[in-house]
Amino acid sequence: MKKALILLILCFTTALFAQSKHEKIKALKVAHITKELDLTTKEAEEFWPIYNASEEKLHALRRTERKEIIKKIKDDFESLTNAEATALIEKSITIKEKELETFRQLVKDLKGIIPPKKIILLRKAEEDFKRQLLERFKKKRGN
């Protein structure tokens, strides 16, 4: 398993040179999650398609939030009416509900593929990755 993990990380590292920043971050995240969850080959084959589909849904929801809510607040906050603000709040709540439903579906789909403990560990691995990414960004901006 360790040889497979090292090979996987080596492949990702090599592929990083020819990718955009978004693709690089995604590859680093995949390597981080794979390492932290210590997925078997069988688990990885079933896990990644489900996880990637869930991530695509979440990405689309966040893009909608940025486009329809945050941009409106940022660009036109002063002229925002109470009715428009209420509509934006409701839209934001709807998006958050869809994010929660996407997470529920992910957990449901992963049960039986990986143990519940690894599902919990997935959340921790995602949070750890975000924190590491922010720290790298801060260090880079500091230089």
Protein backbone atom coordinates (compact mmCIF):
# COMPACT_ATOMS: atom_id res chain seq x y z
CA MET A 1 0.00 0.00 0.00
CA LYS A 2 2.86 2.38 0.83
CA LYS A 3 4.41 1.79 -2.60
CA ALA A 4 1.09 2.61 -4.24
CA LEU A 5 0.77 5.77 -2.17
CA ILE A 6 4.31 6.88 -3.00
CA LEU A 7 3.66 6.19 -6.69
CA LEU A 8 0.39 8.15 -6.50
CA ILE A 9 2.08 11.12 -4.84
CA LEU A 10 4.94 10.98 -7.36
CA CYS A 11 2.44 11.00 -10.24
CA PHE A 12 0.62 13.98 -8.75
CA THR A 13 3.85 15.86 -8.14
CA THR A 14 4.99 15.29 -11.71
CA ALA A 15 1.62 16.31 -13.08
CA LEU A 16 1.65 19.54 -11.07
CA PHE A 17 4.11 21.19 -13.44
CA ALA A 18 1.67 21.12 -16.37
CA GLN A 19 -1.48 22.20 -14.53
CA SER A 20 -3.29 25.38 -13.65
CA LYS A 21 -3.38 26.60 -10.04
CA HIS A 22 -6.85 25.12 -9.55
CA GLU A 23 -5.75 21.76 -10.90
CA LYS A 24 -2.61 21.85 -8.75
CA ILE A 25 -4.66 22.50 -5.63
CA LYS A 26 -7.05 19.71 -6.54
CA ALA A 27 -4.16 17.27 -7.09
CA LEU A 28 -2.62 18.24 -3.75
CA LYS A 29 -6.00 17.74 -2.06
CA VAL A 30 -6.40 14.29 -3.61
CA ALA A 31 -2.93 13.28 -2.44
CA HIS A 32 -3.62 14.65 1.06
CA ILE A 33 -6.97 12.88 1.42
CA THR A 34 -5.59 9.62 0.02
CA LYS A 35 -2.73 9.73 2.51
CA GLU A 36 -4.88 10.70 5.50
CA LEU A 37 -7.63 8.14 4.83
CA ASP A 38 -5.11 5.40 3.93
CA LEU A 39 -7.54 4.12 1.31
CA THR A 40 -7.11 0.60 0.00
CA THR A 41 -7.09 0.20 -3.77
CA LYS A 42 -10.67 -1.11 -3.70
CA GLU A 43 -11.84 1.73 -1.46
CA ALA A 44 -10.13 4.33 -3.65
CA GLU A 45 -11.73 2.97 -6.83
CA GLU A 46 -15.20 3.38 -5.33
CA PHE A 47 -14.51 6.45 -3.19
CA TRP A 48 -13.10 8.91 -5.73
CA PRO A 49 -15.97 8.94 -8.28
CA ILE A 50 -18.48 9.56 -5.47
CA TYR A 51 -16.32 12.18 -3.77
CA ASN A 52 -15.54 14.00 -7.02
CA ALA A 53 -19.23 14.14 -7.99
CA SER A 54 -20.05 15.60 -4.58
CA GLU A 55 -17.24 18.15 -4.89
CA GLU A 56 -18.52 19.23 -8.31
CA LYS A 57 -21.99 19.84 -6.86
CA LEU A 58 -20.54 21.85 -3.98
CA HIS A 59 -18.34 23.84 -6.35
CA ALA A 60 -21.37 24.71 -8.48
CA LEU A 61 -23.32 25.81 -5.42
CA ARG A 62 -20.45 28.01 -4.22
CA ARG A 63 -20.06 29.50 -7.68
CA THR A 64 -23.78 30.33 -7.70
CA GLU A 65 -23.43 31.92 -4.26
CA ARG A 66 -20.49 34.06 -5.39
CA LYS A 67 -22.17 35.04 -8.63
CA GLU A 68 -25.68 35.75 -7.38
CA ILE A 69 -25.24 36.81 -3.77
CA ILE A 70 -21.74 37.94 -2.85
CA LYS A 71 -21.22 39.88 -6.11
CA LYS A 72 -24.54 41.70 -5.61
CA ILE A 73 -23.61 42.64 -2.05
CA LYS A 74 -20.10 43.71 -3.04
CA ASP A 75 -21.04 45.68 -6.15
CA ASP A 76 -24.37 47.21 -5.21
CA PHE A 77 -24.82 47.09 -1.44
CA GLU A 78 -25.77 50.74 -0.97
CA SER A 79 -28.70 50.59 -3.40
CA LEU A 80 -29.94 47.24 -2.07
CA THR A 81 -33.56 47.43 -0.93
CA ASN A 82 -34.91 45.52 2.05
CA ALA A 83 -36.90 43.31 -0.30
CA GLU A 84 -33.78 42.51 -2.33
CA ALA A 85 -31.81 41.85 0.87
CA THR A 86 -34.53 39.48 2.05
CA ALA A 87 -34.44 37.66 -1.29
CA LEU A 88 -30.64 37.34 -1.05
CA ILE A 89 -30.92 35.94 2.48
CA GLU A 90 -33.47 33.37 1.33
CA LYS A 91 -31.29 32.43 -1.64
CA SER A 92 -28.30 32.04 0.69
CA ILE A 93 -30.31 29.78 3.01
CA THR A 94 -31.43 27.67 0.05
CA ILE A 95 -27.83 27.26 -1.11
CA LYS A 96 -26.70 26.24 2.40
CA GLU A 97 -29.55 23.70 2.57
CA LYS A 98 -28.42 22.25 -0.78
CA GLU A 99 -24.84 22.05 0.53
CA LEU A 100 -26.08 20.14 3.59
CA GLU A 101 -28.13 17.80 1.39
CA THR A 102 -25.06 17.20 -0.79
CA PHE A 103 -23.06 16.29 2.33
CA ARG A 104 -25.83 13.97 3.54
CA GLN A 105 -25.86 12.25 0.14
CA LEU A 106 -22.07 11.91 0.19
CA VAL A 107 -22.18 10.23 3.61
CA LYS A 108 -25.00 7.95 2.48
CA ASP A 109 -23.10 6.98 -0.68
CA LEU A 110 -19.84 6.38 1.18
CA LYS A 111 -21.37 4.12 3.83
CA GLY A 112 -20.45 0.57 2.92
CA ILE A 113 -17.51 1.76 0.80
CA ILE A 114 -15.40 3.11 3.63
CA PRO A 115 -15.95 2.68 7.37
CA PRO A 116 -17.77 5.44 9.29
CA LYS A 117 -14.54 6.34 11.05
CA LYS A 118 -12.94 7.15 7.68
CA ILE A 119 -15.95 9.31 6.77
CA ILE A 120 -15.28 11.35 9.92
CA LEU A 121 -11.58 11.36 9.08
CA LEU A 122 -12.47 12.71 5.62
CA ARG A 123 -13.97 15.84 7.18
CA LYS A 124 -10.86 16.29 9.30
CA ALA A 125 -8.58 15.76 6.29
CA GLU A 126 -10.54 18.38 4.29
CA GLU A 127 -10.29 20.91 7.11
CA ASP A 128 -6.59 20.19 7.64
CA PHE A 129 -5.97 20.66 3.91
CA LYS A 130 -7.79 24.01 3.89
CA ARG A 131 -5.76 25.18 6.89
CA GLN A 132 -2.48 24.10 5.25
CA LEU A 133 -3.45 25.81 2.01
CA LEU A 134 -4.23 29.07 3.85
CA GLU A 135 -0.93 28.88 5.71
CA ARG A 136 0.96 28.42 2.43
CA PHE A 137 -0.91 31.36 0.93
CA LYS A 138 -0.12 33.56 3.94
CA LYS A 139 3.56 32.62 3.80
CA LYS A 140 3.68 33.30 0.07
CA ARG A 141 2.03 36.70 0.47
CA GLY A 142 4.36 37.54 3.33
CA ASN A 143 7.41 37.12 1.08
